[in-house]
Every structure is written in structure tokens, then in C-alpha cells.
Amino acid sequence: MTSATTLEKHRTRQKALGRSRVEVQIARGDVALVRRVIAALNDPRQGEETRRILLTRFGQPHATGLKALLASAPLEGIDLERVRDLNRDIDL
């Protein structure tokens, strides 16, 4: 069996398990950290908690339209009130 065939079979098995291959380029100092995060995601005892922590910090809202996107936007501290001036002159 050639190594190419072995690699193809391995990738086919991984795909069947719902796994994807990801290649990233990171700073050398972060390599150990990223490996620990990956190990935690793959650990049945830590996976859910790790995923929840990461999604809380880095997850993006899954807005399905403009209304949902606006509803999920962090609007604390933004003044959304406007003064209604119905007596202004309009030059048409």
C-alpha cells in the first residue's frame, strides 16, 4: 500500500467522522496554546465547555436578515431616540 493511498483512506475516514482539516499560520509563541485548545475541543470531558467559552467570546450571531442582525447588535450606550419636528418648513 502506498503512502498516498494510506493518506487518502485516512482522510476519507476522518471526513466520515465529520472532521475537517484546517491549516493555520500563527505566531510561534501561540503554537502550544492552539494545540491545547484543539485538544480540549477533542476531549469528550472538556469539549462542550471549551466550545461554549469560545463561542461566547468569538462566536458571531447567526442573523438571517437585516432585522435579526439589528436585533442581535450590541447597542448599549447608543442613543436611538430622535426628536420629531413636525413643524419644519420643507422646500419642495
PDB file of N, CA and C in Angstrom:
ATOM      1  N   MET A   1       0.857  -1.177   0.000  1.00  0.00           N
ATOM      2  CA  MET A   1       0.000   0.000   0.000  1.00  0.00           C
ATOM      3  C   MET A   1       0.898   1.233   0.000  1.00  0.00           C
ATOM      4  N   THR A   2       0.650   2.168  -0.898  1.00  0.00           N
ATOM      5  CA  THR A   2       1.467   3.381  -0.963  1.00  0.00           C
ATOM      6  C   THR A   2       1.019   4.364   0.094  1.00  0.00           C
ATOM      7  N   SER A   3       1.913   5.275   0.400  1.00  0.00           N
ATOM      8  CA  SER A   3       1.569   6.256   1.429  1.00  0.00           C
ATOM      9  C   SER A   3       0.455   7.185   0.958  1.00  0.00           C
ATOM     10  N   ALA A   4       0.360   7.452  -0.358  1.00  0.00           N
ATOM     11  CA  ALA A   4      -0.720   8.286  -0.880  1.00  0.00           C
ATOM     12  C   ALA A   4      -2.064   7.612  -0.651  1.00  0.00           C
ATOM     13  N   THR A   5      -2.134   6.299  -0.877  1.00  0.00           N
ATOM     14  CA  THR A   5      -3.373   5.560  -0.657  1.00  0.00           C
ATOM     15  C   THR A   5      -3.724   5.541   0.830  1.00  0.00           C
ATOM     16  N   THR A   6      -2.724   5.365   1.666  1.00  0.00           N
ATOM     17  CA  THR A   6      -2.950   5.370   3.108  1.00  0.00           C
ATOM     18  C   THR A   6      -3.477   6.725   3.557  1.00  0.00           C
ATOM     19  N   LEU A   7      -2.883   7.784   3.037  1.00  0.00           N
ATOM     20  CA  LEU A   7      -3.322   9.132   3.389  1.00  0.00           C
ATOM     21  C   LEU A   7      -4.753   9.373   2.910  1.00  0.00           C
ATOM     22  N   GLU A   8      -5.065   8.946   1.716  1.00  0.00           N
ATOM     23  CA  GLU A   8      -6.423   9.111   1.187  1.00  0.00           C
ATOM     24  C   GLU A   8      -7.441   8.370   2.051  1.00  0.00           C
ATOM     25  N   LYS A   9      -7.108   7.163   2.461  1.00  0.00           N
ATOM     26  CA  LYS A   9      -8.017   6.389   3.315  1.00  0.00           C
ATOM     27  C   LYS A   9      -8.195   7.069   4.672  1.00  0.00           C
ATOM     28  N   HIS A  10      -7.106   7.569   5.214  1.00  0.00           N
ATOM     29  CA  HIS A  10      -7.183   8.282   6.499  1.00  0.00           C
ATOM     30  C   HIS A  10      -8.102   9.498   6.378  1.00  0.00           C
ATOM     31  N   ARG A  11      -7.917  10.284   5.324  1.00  0.00           N
ATOM     32  CA  ARG A  11      -8.747  11.478   5.130  1.00  0.00           C
ATOM     33  C   ARG A  11     -10.209  11.121   4.889  1.00  0.00           C
ATOM     34  N   THR A  12     -10.453  10.020   4.198  1.00  0.00           N
ATOM     35  CA  THR A  12     -11.823   9.556   3.968  1.00  0.00           C
ATOM     36  C   THR A  12     -12.484   9.166   5.292  1.00  0.00           C
ATOM     37  N   ARG A  13     -11.730   8.447   6.148  1.00  0.00           N
ATOM     38  CA  ARG A  13     -12.270   8.079   7.472  1.00  0.00           C
ATOM     39  C   ARG A  13     -12.555   9.317   8.311  1.00  0.00           C
ATOM     40  N   GLN A  14     -11.638  10.275   8.288  1.00  0.00           N
ATOM     41  CA  GLN A  14     -11.829  11.495   9.066  1.00  0.00           C
ATOM     42  C   GLN A  14     -13.053  12.271   8.584  1.00  0.00           C
ATOM     43  N   LYS A  15     -13.225  12.338   7.278  1.00  0.00           N
ATOM     44  CA  LYS A  15     -14.385  13.028   6.710  1.00  0.00           C
ATOM     45  C   LYS A  15     -15.675  12.342   7.130  1.00  0.00           C
ATOM     46  N   ALA A  16     -15.664  11.013   7.138  1.00  0.00           N
ATOM     47  CA  ALA A  16     -16.842  10.248   7.553  1.00  0.00           C
ATOM     48  C   ALA A  16     -17.173  10.492   9.021  1.00  0.00           C
ATOM     49  N   LEU A  17     -16.168  10.831   9.823  1.00  0.00           N
ATOM     50  CA  LEU A  17     -16.381  11.141  11.238  1.00  0.00           C
ATOM     51  C   LEU A  17     -16.803  12.595  11.452  1.00  0.00           C
ATOM     52  N   GLY A  18     -16.921  13.349  10.350  1.00  0.00           N
ATOM     53  CA  GLY A  18     -17.341  14.746  10.464  1.00  0.00           C
ATOM     54  C   GLY A  18     -16.200  15.690  10.801  1.00  0.00           C
ATOM     55  N   ARG A  19     -14.997  15.287  10.528  1.00  0.00           N
ATOM     56  CA  ARG A  19     -13.825  16.118  10.832  1.00  0.00           C
ATOM     57  C   ARG A  19     -13.347  16.825   9.575  1.00  0.00           C
ATOM     58  N   SER A  20     -12.783  18.008   9.763  1.00  0.00           N
ATOM     59  CA  SER A  20     -12.223  18.783   8.660  1.00  0.00           C
ATOM     60  C   SER A  20     -10.782  19.127   8.981  1.00  0.00           C
ATOM     61  N   ARG A  21      -9.989  19.198   7.947  1.00  0.00           N
ATOM     62  CA  ARG A  21      -8.592  19.569   8.098  1.00  0.00           C
ATOM     63  C   ARG A  21      -8.492  21.083   7.990  1.00  0.00           C
ATOM     64  N   VAL A  22      -7.774  21.700   8.923  1.00  0.00           N
ATOM     65  CA  VAL A  22      -7.606  23.143   8.939  1.00  0.00           C
ATOM     66  C   VAL A  22      -6.122  23.445   9.078  1.00  0.00           C
ATOM     67  N   GLU A  23      -5.644  24.329   8.243  1.00  0.00           N
ATOM     68  CA  GLU A  23      -4.251  24.748   8.346  1.00  0.00           C
ATOM     69  C   GLU A  23      -4.253  26.230   8.683  1.00  0.00           C
ATOM     70  N   VAL A  24      -3.500  26.591   9.693  1.00  0.00           N
ATOM     71  CA  VAL A  24      -3.422  27.987  10.107  1.00  0.00           C
ATOM     72  C   VAL A  24      -1.967  28.393  10.259  1.00  0.00           C
ATOM     73  N   GLN A  25      -1.727  29.665  10.146  1.00  0.00           N
ATOM     74  CA  GLN A  25      -0.398  30.206  10.383  1.00  0.00           C
ATOM     75  C   GLN A  25      -0.529  31.140  11.581  1.00  0.00           C
ATOM     76  N   ILE A  26       0.226  30.842  12.622  1.00  0.00           N
ATOM     77  CA  ILE A  26       0.155  31.624  13.850  1.00  0.00           C
ATOM     78  C   ILE A  26       1.555  31.935  14.337  1.00  0.00           C
ATOM     79  N   ALA A  27       1.628  32.831  15.282  1.00  0.00           N
ATOM     80  CA  ALA A  27       2.917  33.163  15.878  1.00  0.00           C
ATOM     81  C   ALA A  27       3.469  31.938  16.597  1.00  0.00           C
ATOM     82  N   ARG A  28       4.761  31.770  16.524  1.00  0.00           N
ATOM     83  CA  ARG A  28       5.420  30.607  17.120  1.00  0.00           C
ATOM     84  C   ARG A  28       5.067  30.476  18.600  1.00  0.00           C
ATOM     85  N   GLY A  29       4.930  31.576  19.289  1.00  0.00           N
ATOM     86  CA  GLY A  29       4.616  31.535  20.714  1.00  0.00           C
ATOM     87  C   GLY A  29       3.218  31.043  21.027  1.00  0.00           C
ATOM     88  N   ASP A  30       2.332  31.026  20.036  1.00  0.00           N
ATOM     89  CA  ASP A  30       0.952  30.595  20.251  1.00  0.00           C
ATOM     90  C   ASP A  30       0.712  29.135  19.885  1.00  0.00           C
ATOM     91  N   VAL A  31       1.709  28.457  19.363  1.00  0.00           N
ATOM     92  CA  VAL A  31       1.541  27.073  18.900  1.00  0.00           C
ATOM     93  C   VAL A  31       1.046  26.169  20.020  1.00  0.00           C
ATOM     94  N   ALA A  32       1.692  26.214  21.166  1.00  0.00           N
ATOM     95  CA  ALA A  32       1.294  25.346  22.286  1.00  0.00           C
ATOM     96  C   ALA A  32      -0.127  25.662  22.741  1.00  0.00           C
ATOM     97  N   LEU A  33      -0.478  26.943  22.770  1.00  0.00           N
ATOM     98  CA  LEU A  33      -1.829  27.348  23.179  1.00  0.00           C
ATOM     99  C   LEU A  33      -2.875  26.793  22.221  1.00  0.00           C
ATOM    100  N   VAL A  34      -2.649  26.939  20.929  1.00  0.00           N
ATOM    101  CA  VAL A  34      -3.612  26.455  19.930  1.00  0.00           C
ATOM    102  C   VAL A  34      -3.740  24.935  20.019  1.00  0.00           C
ATOM    103  N   ARG A  35      -2.640  24.251  20.237  1.00  0.00           N
ATOM    104  CA  ARG A  35      -2.696  22.796  20.380  1.00  0.00           C
ATOM    105  C   ARG A  35      -3.502  22.396  21.609  1.00  0.00           C
ATOM    106  N   ARG A  36      -3.369  23.149  22.700  1.00  0.00           N
ATOM    107  CA  ARG A  36      -4.154  22.836  23.898  1.00  0.00           C
ATOM    108  C   ARG A  36      -5.641  23.093  23.661  1.00  0.00           C
ATOM    109  N   VAL A  37      -5.973  24.155  22.933  1.00  0.00           N
ATOM    110  CA  VAL A  37      -7.375  24.442  22.610  1.00  0.00           C
ATOM    111  C   VAL A  37      -7.948  23.312  21.759  1.00  0.00           C
ATOM    112  N   ILE A  38      -7.193  22.864  20.760  1.00  0.00           N
ATOM    113  CA  ILE A  38      -7.647  21.769  19.901  1.00  0.00           C
ATOM    114  C   ILE A  38      -7.837  20.493  20.716  1.00  0.00           C
ATOM    115  N   ALA A  39      -6.884  20.214  21.600  1.00  0.00           N
ATOM    116  CA  ALA A  39      -7.002  19.021  22.441  1.00  0.00           C
ATOM    117  C   ALA A  39      -8.241  19.110  23.330  1.00  0.00           C
ATOM    118  N   ALA A  40      -8.514  20.297  23.864  1.00  0.00           N
ATOM    119  CA  ALA A  40      -9.691  20.474  24.723  1.00  0.00           C
ATOM    120  C   ALA A  40     -10.976  20.280  23.919  1.00  0.00           C
ATOM    121  N   LEU A  41     -11.021  20.767  22.684  1.00  0.00           N
ATOM    122  CA  LEU A  41     -12.205  20.588  21.840  1.00  0.00           C
ATOM    123  C   LEU A  41     -12.433  19.118  21.513  1.00  0.00           C
ATOM    124  N   ASN A  42     -11.359  18.362  21.372  1.00  0.00           N
ATOM    125  CA  ASN A  42     -11.476  16.944  21.033  1.00  0.00           C
ATOM    126  C   ASN A  42     -11.683  16.043  22.247  1.00  0.00           C
ATOM    127  N   ASP A  43     -11.511  16.566  23.439  1.00  0.00           N
ATOM    128  CA  ASP A  43     -11.673  15.783  24.667  1.00  0.00           C
ATOM    129  C   ASP A  43     -13.158  15.719  25.019  1.00  0.00           C
ATOM    130  N   PRO A  44     -13.727  14.519  25.137  1.00  0.00           N
ATOM    131  CA  PRO A  44     -15.158  14.398  25.450  1.00  0.00           C
ATOM    132  C   PRO A  44     -15.544  15.075  26.762  1.00  0.00           C
ATOM    133  N   ARG A  45     -14.626  15.164  27.715  1.00  0.00           N
ATOM    134  CA  ARG A  45     -14.951  15.780  29.004  1.00  0.00           C
ATOM    135  C   ARG A  45     -14.874  17.296  28.950  1.00  0.00           C
ATOM    136  N   GLN A  46     -14.063  17.855  28.064  1.00  0.00           N
ATOM    137  CA  GLN A  46     -13.865  19.303  28.011  1.00  0.00           C
ATOM    138  C   GLN A  46     -14.484  19.961  26.781  1.00  0.00           C
ATOM    139  N   GLY A  47     -14.845  19.184  25.791  1.00  0.00           N
ATOM    140  CA  GLY A  47     -15.268  19.732  24.511  1.00  0.00           C
ATOM    141  C   GLY A  47     -16.412  20.718  24.580  1.00  0.00           C
ATOM    142  N   GLU A  48     -17.484  20.352  25.253  1.00  0.00           N
ATOM    143  CA  GLU A  48     -18.659  21.233  25.310  1.00  0.00           C
ATOM    144  C   GLU A  48     -18.352  22.543  26.020  1.00  0.00           C
ATOM    145  N   GLU A  49     -17.669  22.461  27.156  1.00  0.00           N
ATOM    146  CA  GLU A  49     -17.336  23.676  27.903  1.00  0.00           C
ATOM    147  C   GLU A  49     -16.394  24.564  27.092  1.00  0.00           C
ATOM    148  N   THR A  50     -15.394  23.973  26.473  1.00  0.00           N
ATOM    149  CA  THR A  50     -14.448  24.746  25.657  1.00  0.00           C
ATOM    150  C   THR A  50     -15.170  25.423  24.502  1.00  0.00           C
ATOM    151  N   ARG A  51     -16.036  24.672  23.846  1.00  0.00           N
ATOM    152  CA  ARG A  51     -16.800  25.219  22.717  1.00  0.00           C
ATOM    153  C   ARG A  51     -17.681  26.380  23.170  1.00  0.00           C
ATOM    154  N   ARG A  52     -18.344  26.215  24.330  1.00  0.00           N
ATOM    155  CA  ARG A  52     -19.214  27.268  24.856  1.00  0.00           C
ATOM    156  C   ARG A  52     -18.407  28.530  25.163  1.00  0.00           C
ATOM    157  N   ILE A  53     -17.236  28.358  25.784  1.00  0.00           N
ATOM    158  CA  ILE A  53     -16.378  29.508  26.106  1.00  0.00           C
ATOM    159  C   ILE A  53     -15.940  30.217  24.829  1.00  0.00           C
ATOM    160  N   LEU A  54     -15.507  29.456  23.843  1.00  0.00           N
ATOM    161  CA  LEU A  54     -15.050  30.056  22.592  1.00  0.00           C
ATOM    162  C   LEU A  54     -16.185  30.743  21.846  1.00  0.00           C
ATOM    163  N   LEU A  55     -17.352  30.120  21.819  1.00  0.00           N
ATOM    164  CA  LEU A  55     -18.490  30.736  21.127  1.00  0.00           C
ATOM    165  C   LEU A  55     -18.963  31.998  21.832  1.00  0.00           C
ATOM    166  N   THR A  56     -18.899  31.995  23.171  1.00  0.00           N
ATOM    167  CA  THR A  56     -19.294  33.185  23.920  1.00  0.00           C
ATOM    168  C   THR A  56     -18.377  34.353  23.586  1.00  0.00           C
ATOM    169  N   ARG A  57     -17.102  34.062  23.484  1.00  0.00           N
ATOM    170  CA  ARG A  57     -16.133  35.128  23.233  1.00  0.00           C
ATOM    171  C   ARG A  57     -15.984  35.481  21.763  1.00  0.00           C
ATOM    172  N   PHE A  58     -15.988  34.474  20.880  1.00  0.00           N
ATOM    173  CA  PHE A  58     -15.665  34.715  19.484  1.00  0.00           C
ATOM    174  C   PHE A  58     -16.770  34.373  18.506  1.00  0.00           C
ATOM    175  N   GLY A  59     -17.866  33.787  18.984  1.00  0.00           N
ATOM    176  CA  GLY A  59     -18.950  33.401  18.084  1.00  0.00           C
ATOM    177  C   GLY A  59     -19.619  34.616  17.482  1.00  0.00           C
ATOM    178  N   GLN A  60     -20.126  34.454  16.304  1.00  0.00           N
ATOM    179  CA  GLN A  60     -20.826  35.532  15.632  1.00  0.00           C
ATOM    180  C   GLN A  60     -22.308  35.214  15.582  1.00  0.00           C
ATOM    181  N   PRO A  61     -23.131  36.236  15.666  1.00  0.00           N
ATOM    182  CA  PRO A  61     -24.568  35.992  15.595  1.00  0.00           C
ATOM    183  C   PRO A  61     -24.943  35.399  14.243  1.00  0.00           C
ATOM    184  N   HIS A  62     -25.921  34.528  14.266  1.00  0.00           N
ATOM    185  CA  HIS A  62     -26.383  33.888  13.041  1.00  0.00           C
ATOM    186  C   HIS A  62     -27.640  34.600  12.564  1.00  0.00           C
ATOM    187  N   ALA A  63     -27.481  35.879  12.237  1.00  0.00           N
ATOM    188  CA  ALA A  63     -28.615  36.672  11.784  1.00  0.00           C
ATOM    189  C   ALA A  63     -29.041  36.197  10.399  1.00  0.00           C
ATOM    190  N   THR A  64     -30.359  36.104  10.194  1.00  0.00           N
ATOM    191  CA  THR A  64     -30.861  35.638   8.910  1.00  0.00           C
ATOM    192  C   THR A  64     -31.409  36.772   8.066  1.00  0.00           C
ATOM    193  N   GLY A  65     -31.289  37.974   8.517  1.00  0.00           N
ATOM    194  CA  GLY A  65     -31.749  39.124   7.764  1.00  0.00           C
ATOM    195  C   GLY A  65     -31.369  40.396   8.487  1.00  0.00           C
ATOM    196  N   LEU A  66     -31.697  41.531   7.888  1.00  0.00           N
ATOM    197  CA  LEU A  66     -31.337  42.812   8.479  1.00  0.00           C
ATOM    198  C   LEU A  66     -31.990  43.001   9.841  1.00  0.00           C
ATOM    199  N   LYS A  67     -33.254  42.635   9.965  1.00  0.00           N
ATOM    200  CA  LYS A  67     -33.958  42.799  11.235  1.00  0.00           C
ATOM    201  C   LYS A  67     -33.300  41.965  12.333  1.00  0.00           C
ATOM    202  N   ALA A  68     -32.959  40.706  12.035  1.00  0.00           N
ATOM    203  CA  ALA A  68     -32.294  39.850  13.015  1.00  0.00           C
ATOM    204  C   ALA A  68     -30.900  40.366  13.340  1.00  0.00           C
ATOM    205  N   LEU A  69     -30.189  40.879  12.339  1.00  0.00           N
ATOM    206  CA  LEU A  69     -28.864  41.430  12.566  1.00  0.00           C
ATOM    207  C   LEU A  69     -28.932  42.635  13.493  1.00  0.00           C
ATOM    208  N   LEU A  70     -29.874  43.527  13.256  1.00  0.00           N
ATOM    209  CA  LEU A  70     -30.028  44.703  14.121  1.00  0.00           C
ATOM    210  C   LEU A  70     -30.453  44.308  15.525  1.00  0.00           C
ATOM    211  N   ALA A  71     -31.319  43.306  15.636  1.00  0.00           N
ATOM    212  CA  ALA A  71     -31.772  42.853  16.952  1.00  0.00           C
ATOM    213  C   ALA A  71     -30.640  42.229  17.752  1.00  0.00           C
ATOM    214  N   SER A  72     -29.660  41.637  17.078  1.00  0.00           N
ATOM    215  CA  SER A  72     -28.554  40.994  17.783  1.00  0.00           C
ATOM    216  C   SER A  72     -27.372  41.927  18.010  1.00  0.00           C
ATOM    217  N   ALA A  73     -27.442  43.143  17.498  1.00  0.00           N
ATOM    218  CA  ALA A  73     -26.321  44.081  17.620  1.00  0.00           C
ATOM    219  C   ALA A  73     -26.216  44.604  19.052  1.00  0.00           C
ATOM    220  N   PRO A  74     -24.985  44.775  19.537  1.00  0.00           N
ATOM    221  CA  PRO A  74     -24.795  45.339  20.881  1.00  0.00           C
ATOM    222  C   PRO A  74     -25.009  46.851  20.829  1.00  0.00           C
ATOM    223  N   LEU A  75     -26.129  47.309  21.347  1.00  0.00           N
ATOM    224  CA  LEU A  75     -26.480  48.726  21.248  1.00  0.00           C
ATOM    225  C   LEU A  75     -26.439  49.463  22.579  1.00  0.00           C
ATOM    226  N   GLU A  76     -25.826  48.873  23.604  1.00  0.00           N
ATOM    227  CA  GLU A  76     -25.763  49.546  24.894  1.00  0.00           C
ATOM    228  C   GLU A  76     -25.003  50.860  24.742  1.00  0.00           C
ATOM    229  N   GLY A  77     -25.543  51.910  25.327  1.00  0.00           N
ATOM    230  CA  GLY A  77     -24.868  53.196  25.320  1.00  0.00           C
ATOM    231  C   GLY A  77     -25.086  54.018  24.063  1.00  0.00           C
ATOM    232  N   ILE A  78     -25.854  53.505  23.115  1.00  0.00           N
ATOM    233  CA  ILE A  78     -26.128  54.253  21.895  1.00  0.00           C
ATOM    234  C   ILE A  78     -27.519  54.858  22.004  1.00  0.00           C
ATOM    235  N   ASP A  79     -27.609  56.169  21.803  1.00  0.00           N
ATOM    236  CA  ASP A  79     -28.890  56.866  21.900  1.00  0.00           C
ATOM    237  C   ASP A  79     -29.640  56.696  20.587  1.00  0.00           C
ATOM    238  N   LEU A  80     -30.733  55.976  20.624  1.00  0.00           N
ATOM    239  CA  LEU A  80     -31.514  55.715  19.424  1.00  0.00           C
ATOM    240  C   LEU A  80     -32.762  56.597  19.316  1.00  0.00           C
ATOM    241  N   GLU A  81     -32.941  57.481  20.266  1.00  0.00           N
ATOM    242  CA  GLU A  81     -34.094  58.381  20.238  1.00  0.00           C
ATOM    243  C   GLU A  81     -33.822  59.540  19.289  1.00  0.00           C
ATOM    244  N   ARG A  82     -34.859  59.983  18.596  1.00  0.00           N
ATOM    245  CA  ARG A  82     -34.703  61.157  17.752  1.00  0.00           C
ATOM    246  C   ARG A  82     -35.853  62.109  18.016  1.00  0.00           C
ATOM    247  N   VAL A  83     -35.572  63.356  17.857  1.00  0.00           N
ATOM    248  CA  VAL A  83     -36.582  64.390  18.087  1.00  0.00           C
ATOM    249  C   VAL A  83     -37.434  64.496  16.834  1.00  0.00           C
ATOM    250  N   ARG A  84     -38.732  64.421  17.034  1.00  0.00           N
ATOM    251  CA  ARG A  84     -39.651  64.564  15.900  1.00  0.00           C
ATOM    252  C   ARG A  84     -40.079  66.027  15.798  1.00  0.00           C
ATOM    253  N   ASP A  85     -39.719  66.651  14.691  1.00  0.00           N
ATOM    254  CA  ASP A  85     -40.062  68.039  14.454  1.00  0.00           C
ATOM    255  C   ASP A  85     -41.038  68.072  13.286  1.00  0.00           C
ATOM    256  N   LEU A  86     -42.326  68.120  13.616  1.00  0.00           N
ATOM    257  CA  LEU A  86     -43.361  68.070  12.582  1.00  0.00           C
ATOM    258  C   LEU A  86     -43.691  69.440  12.003  1.00  0.00           C
ATOM    259  N   ASN A  87     -43.151  70.498  12.570  1.00  0.00           N
ATOM    260  CA  ASN A  87     -43.481  71.850  12.130  1.00  0.00           C
ATOM    261  C   ASN A  87     -42.373  72.494  11.325  1.00  0.00           C
ATOM    262  N   ARG A  88     -41.516  71.728  10.722  1.00  0.00           N
ATOM    263  CA  ARG A  88     -40.416  72.331   9.973  1.00  0.00           C
ATOM    264  C   ARG A  88     -40.870  72.652   8.543  1.00  0.00           C
ATOM    265  N   ASP A  89     -40.261  73.672   7.986  1.00  0.00           N
ATOM    266  CA  ASP A  89     -40.552  74.060   6.614  1.00  0.00           C
ATOM    267  C   ASP A  89     -39.756  73.177   5.659  1.00  0.00           C
ATOM    268  N   ILE A  90     -40.431  72.693   4.629  1.00  0.00           N
ATOM    269  CA  ILE A  90     -39.779  71.837   3.653  1.00  0.00           C
ATOM    270  C   ILE A  90     -39.912  72.521   2.293  1.00  0.00           C
ATOM    271  N   ASP A  91     -38.787  72.722   1.650  1.00  0.00           N
ATOM    272  CA  ASP A  91     -38.768  73.376   0.342  1.00  0.00           C
ATOM    273  C   ASP A  91     -38.808  72.312  -0.734  1.00  0.00           C
ATOM    274  N   LEU A  92     -39.948  72.196  -1.412  1.00  0.00           N
ATOM    275  CA  LEU A  92     -40.092  71.240  -2.497  1.00  0.00           C
ATOM    276  C   LEU A  92     -39.926  71.963  -3.773  1.00  0.00           C
TER     277      LEU A  92
END
